[in-house]
Protein backbone atom coordinates (compact mmCIF):
# COMPACT_ATOMS: atom_id res chain seq x y z
CA MET A 1 17.75 -4.75 5.93
CA SER A 2 17.27 -6.35 2.72
CA TYR A 3 14.78 -3.37 1.52
CA PHE A 4 16.90 -0.48 2.69
CA TYR A 5 18.84 0.40 -0.61
CA THR A 6 16.53 -0.74 -2.75
CA ASN A 7 13.31 1.18 -0.89
CA THR A 8 13.94 3.32 2.46
CA ILE A 9 16.92 5.18 1.50
CA TRP A 10 15.21 6.83 -1.71
CA TYR A 11 12.40 8.05 0.79
CA LEU A 12 15.01 8.93 4.02
CA LEU A 13 17.34 10.92 0.86
CA LEU A 14 13.59 13.01 -0.02
CA GLY A 15 13.75 13.00 4.31
CA LEU A 16 17.59 14.57 4.20
CA ALA A 17 16.53 17.47 0.68
CA THR A 18 13.62 18.22 3.21
CA ILE A 19 15.75 19.20 5.63
CA ILE A 20 18.20 20.97 3.81
CA GLU A 21 15.28 23.06 2.36
CA LEU A 22 14.05 24.00 6.02
CA VAL A 23 16.87 25.32 7.26
CA ILE A 24 17.81 27.23 4.66
CA THR A 25 14.43 28.70 4.47
CA PHE A 26 14.85 29.45 7.95
CA TYR A 27 18.04 31.09 8.24
CA LYS A 28 16.59 33.62 5.89
CA ALA A 29 13.22 34.29 7.15
CA ASP A 30 13.32 36.81 9.38
CA HIS A 31 10.05 35.59 12.16
CA ARG A 32 11.52 31.54 13.24
CA LEU A 33 8.63 30.85 15.45
CA LYS A 34 5.95 32.62 13.14
CA LEU A 35 7.07 30.76 10.24
CA ALA A 36 7.33 27.13 12.10
CA ALA A 37 3.47 27.76 12.55
CA PHE A 38 3.32 28.29 8.77
CA TYR A 39 4.64 25.34 8.21
CA VAL A 40 2.56 23.38 9.88
CA THR A 41 -0.13 24.62 8.49
CA ILE A 42 0.57 24.76 4.90
CA PHE A 43 1.23 20.90 5.79
CA GLY A 44 -2.01 20.20 6.92
CA ALA A 45 -3.09 21.56 4.40
CA VAL A 46 -2.16 19.30 1.35
CA LEU A 47 -2.42 16.32 4.20
CA ASN A 48 -6.37 17.35 4.52
CA VAL A 49 -6.28 16.19 0.12
CA GLU A 50 -4.34 13.18 0.51
CA ALA A 51 -6.45 11.97 3.46
CA PHE A 52 -9.28 11.68 0.73
CA ILE A 53 -7.11 11.00 -2.31
CA LEU A 54 -4.33 8.32 -0.99
CA ILE A 55 -6.42 6.77 1.60
CA PHE A 56 -10.43 7.37 0.59
CA PHE A 57 -9.83 7.17 -2.78
CA LYS A 58 -6.98 5.13 -3.31
CA SER A 59 -4.70 6.99 -6.26
CA TYR A 60 -1.28 6.02 -5.31
CA ALA A 61 0.83 3.88 -2.89
CA TYR A 62 4.35 4.72 -1.42
CA TYR A 63 6.38 1.42 -0.51
CA PRO A 64 9.23 3.00 1.50
CA MET A 65 9.17 -0.42 4.05
CA ILE A 66 9.76 1.13 6.74
CA LEU A 67 6.62 -0.10 8.93
CA HIS A 68 6.24 -3.16 6.36
CA ASN A 69 5.78 -5.92 9.07
CA HIS A 70 3.59 -3.27 11.51
CA PRO A 71 -0.06 -5.12 11.95
CA PHE A 72 -1.03 -2.63 10.09
CA PRO A 73 0.95 -2.68 6.37
CA PHE A 74 -0.95 0.44 5.60
CA ASN A 75 0.84 2.41 7.85
CA ASP A 76 3.73 1.92 6.02
CA MET A 77 2.13 3.94 2.94
CA LEU A 78 1.46 6.90 4.93
CA ALA A 79 4.64 7.03 5.90
CA GLY A 80 5.91 7.20 2.39
CA ASN A 81 3.60 9.93 2.41
CA LEU A 82 5.18 12.02 5.14
CA PHE A 83 8.03 12.13 3.45
CA SER A 84 6.07 13.00 0.52
CA GLN A 85 3.90 16.23 1.77
CA THR A 86 6.70 16.86 3.93
CA SER A 87 8.76 18.03 0.53
CA LEU A 88 6.00 19.96 -0.88
CA SER A 89 5.53 21.87 1.40
CA ALA A 90 9.44 22.70 2.45
CA THR A 91 9.38 23.80 -0.94
CA ALA A 92 6.35 25.89 -0.56
CA LEU A 93 7.99 28.35 2.08
CA LEU A 94 10.88 28.02 0.36
CA VAL A 95 9.50 29.45 -2.90
CA VAL A 96 7.68 32.12 -1.08
CA VAL A 97 9.67 33.42 1.70
CA PHE A 98 12.67 33.80 -0.94
CA LYS A 99 10.15 35.66 -3.68
CA LEU A 100 10.81 33.06 -6.90
CA PRO A 101 9.25 34.30 -9.72
CA TYR A 102 5.58 32.56 -11.36
CA TYR A 103 8.54 30.75 -13.05
CA TRP A 104 9.68 29.77 -11.14
CA PHE A 105 6.30 26.95 -9.70
CA GLY A 106 6.37 25.89 -12.99
CA ILE A 107 10.65 24.08 -12.29
CA MET A 108 9.17 23.12 -9.01
CA ALA A 109 6.48 21.34 -10.60
CA VAL A 110 8.39 19.86 -13.22
CA LEU A 111 11.43 18.29 -10.43
CA TYR A 112 8.63 16.81 -8.73
CA GLY A 113 7.33 14.82 -11.76
CA ILE A 114 10.62 13.70 -12.81
CA ILE A 115 11.74 12.74 -8.62
CA GLU A 116 8.02 11.05 -9.20
CA GLU A 117 8.47 8.98 -12.02
CA PHE A 118 11.90 8.47 -11.11
CA PHE A 119 10.45 6.67 -8.27
CA LEU A 120 7.82 4.60 -10.00
CA HIS A 121 10.69 3.37 -12.23
CA LEU A 122 12.71 2.28 -9.07
CA GLY A 123 9.06 0.70 -7.93
CA ILE A 124 9.16 2.20 -4.68
CA TYR A 125 5.79 4.32 -5.90
CA ARG A 126 2.90 3.23 -7.94
CA HIS A 127 0.08 5.81 -9.50
CA TYR A 128 -3.27 3.98 -9.51
CA TRP A 129 -5.97 6.24 -11.16
CA TYR A 130 -3.28 9.28 -10.70
CA LYS A 131 -0.15 10.27 -13.10
CA THR A 132 2.28 12.43 -12.30
CA TRP A 133 0.92 15.03 -14.86
CA MET A 134 -1.51 15.89 -11.89
CA THR A 135 1.14 16.57 -9.73
CA VAL A 136 3.01 18.89 -12.45
CA LEU A 137 -0.31 20.64 -12.79
CA LEU A 138 -1.57 20.65 -9.69
CA LEU A 139 1.87 22.16 -7.84
CA PRO A 140 1.70 25.43 -9.57
CA ILE A 141 -1.32 26.28 -7.97
CA TYR A 142 -0.56 24.78 -4.68
CA PHE A 143 3.24 27.22 -4.64
CA TRP A 144 0.54 29.98 -5.09
CA ALA A 145 -1.87 29.61 -2.54
CA VAL A 146 0.91 29.27 -0.45
CA LYS A 147 2.02 32.44 -1.86
CA HIS A 148 -1.26 34.08 -0.85
CA MET A 149 -1.49 32.43 2.54
CA TYR A 150 1.86 33.78 3.45
CA ALA A 151 1.51 37.43 2.54
CA SER A 152 -2.08 36.84 4.73
CA ILE A 153 0.24 36.12 7.93
CA ARG A 154 2.66 38.81 7.30
CA ASN A 155 -0.59 41.48 7.11
CA ARG A 156 -3.18 42.12 9.44
CA ILE A 157 -4.83 37.94 9.36
CA LYS A 158 -8.37 38.16 8.20
CA PRO A 159 -10.45 36.28 11.50
CA ILE A 160 -11.24 33.45 9.79
CA LEU A 161 -8.10 32.88 7.87
CA HIS A 162 -7.08 32.75 11.03
CA TYR A 163 -9.61 29.97 12.83
CA VAL A 164 -8.61 27.93 9.27
CA TYR A 165 -4.90 28.24 9.55
CA ILE A 166 -5.03 27.13 13.20
CA TYR A 167 -7.57 23.80 12.17
CA LEU A 168 -4.85 23.35 9.48
CA GLY A 169 -2.02 22.92 12.13
CA LEU A 170 -4.14 21.18 14.74
CA PHE A 171 -4.53 18.32 12.12
CA VAL A 172 -1.00 17.88 11.78
CA TYR A 173 -0.51 17.75 15.60
CA ASN A 174 -3.57 15.42 15.84
CA ASN A 175 -3.56 13.16 13.80
CA VAL A 176 0.34 12.47 12.78
CA LEU A 177 2.32 13.09 16.26
CA ILE A 178 -0.50 12.23 18.49
CA THR A 179 -3.36 9.99 17.07
CA TRP A 180 -1.20 7.75 14.15
CA LEU A 181 2.13 7.78 16.64
CA PHE A 182 -0.28 5.89 19.26
CA GLN A 183 -1.93 3.94 16.91
CA LEU A 184 1.92 2.58 15.90
CA LEU A 185 3.04 2.10 19.77
CA GLY A 186 -0.83 0.09 20.26
CA ILE A 187 -1.80 2.28 22.92
CA GLN A 188 -4.87 3.72 20.70
CA GLU A 189 -6.59 2.14 18.16
CA PHE A 190 -10.06 2.55 15.95
CA GLN A 191 -13.02 0.01 14.56
CA THR A 192 -11.83 -2.00 11.28
CA THR A 193 -15.70 -3.28 10.43
CA VAL A 194 -17.63 0.16 9.82
CA LEU A 195 -16.81 0.20 6.52
CA SER A 196 -15.90 -2.80 4.17
CA ASP A 197 -12.23 -1.36 3.71
CA PRO A 198 -10.63 -1.57 7.15
CA ASP A 199 -7.84 1.35 6.44
CA MET A 200 -10.94 3.22 4.63
CA SER A 201 -12.89 2.07 8.10
CA ARG A 202 -9.72 2.77 10.85
CA HIS A 203 -9.30 5.96 8.87
CA LEU A 204 -13.05 7.31 8.55
CA LEU A 205 -12.84 6.76 12.24
CA VAL A 206 -10.28 9.43 12.52
CA TRP A 207 -11.43 12.23 10.67
CA ILE A 208 -14.20 12.03 12.51
CA HIS A 209 -12.75 12.64 16.40
CA PHE A 210 -10.30 14.71 15.10
CA HIS A 211 -13.82 16.65 14.29
CA LEU A 212 -15.25 15.89 16.79
CA LEU A 213 -12.70 16.79 19.24
CA VAL A 214 -11.08 20.13 17.34
CA ILE A 215 -14.13 21.88 16.64
CA PRO A 216 -16.16 22.27 20.15
CA LEU A 217 -12.02 23.14 21.51
CA MET A 218 -11.99 25.55 19.10
CA ILE A 219 -15.52 26.95 19.41
CA VAL A 220 -14.97 27.61 23.39
CA TYR A 221 -11.59 28.90 23.17
CA PHE A 222 -12.54 31.83 21.14
CA ALA A 223 -15.91 31.89 21.49
CA ARG A 224 -14.11 32.97 25.12
CA MET A 225 -17.10 30.67 27.21
CA ASN A 226 -17.38 30.57 30.72
CA ARG A 227 -15.87 27.44 32.29
CA SER A 228 -19.58 26.00 32.98
CA TRP A 229 -19.63 25.37 29.14
CA LYS A 230 -16.25 23.32 28.87
CA VAL A 231 -17.50 20.28 30.80
CA LEU A 232 -19.18 19.77 27.57
CA LEU A 233 -16.28 19.44 25.66
CA PRO A 234 -16.30 15.77 24.48
CA PRO A 235 -13.47 13.47 26.24
CA HIS A 236 -10.18 13.32 24.18
CA ASN A 237 -10.30 9.23 24.41
CA VAL A 238 -14.06 9.74 21.88
CA ARG A 239 -13.92 6.94 19.71
């Protein structure tokens, strides 16, 4: 409990704000199931970026102090990252569903910049080479991209985009809801000595494992191959 009121509660409040945003957005929306799938897609997009700048380029660190006693303390940082990225994705969804004018992209970006500086002030978040101005600069670009992605699903979506969106959604389901959960529960683990940094080593193998599993599955499914080809798919427990 020593960290709850200094660290954890602020991440939980951010999570509560995310839930409120999503409730408001889904209440406004007409096709809620399609919108839910789209939310997972845009969440997967930011997680793909985060996999590189957070894990491999050591851009910043989160300290929600939720999983800090775990054998791999880096999982606590990943938990903090999920609070952050689900919030960004929820805001992007709200902006496009409500068809907010472009100047709202800047307003929301500045608001997130203020939240970021507040977290830095509290000591529950830390920058390395990354800076708050990068968030304020990049978020309008993200909102703009989500706006065009949303327009694409409301019309006749191009096949290549359809495949990309499914890939991004599967990134969330596999890497967060299955692989990360299995790691937390001690069901599945990856080698930590492939690279000099144990966390980078684990997540490099997670990334490779995901692509070895998902890309062949997508090819077989969408190419409508016959059953004899399916035996060539890699087993799920490949490490």
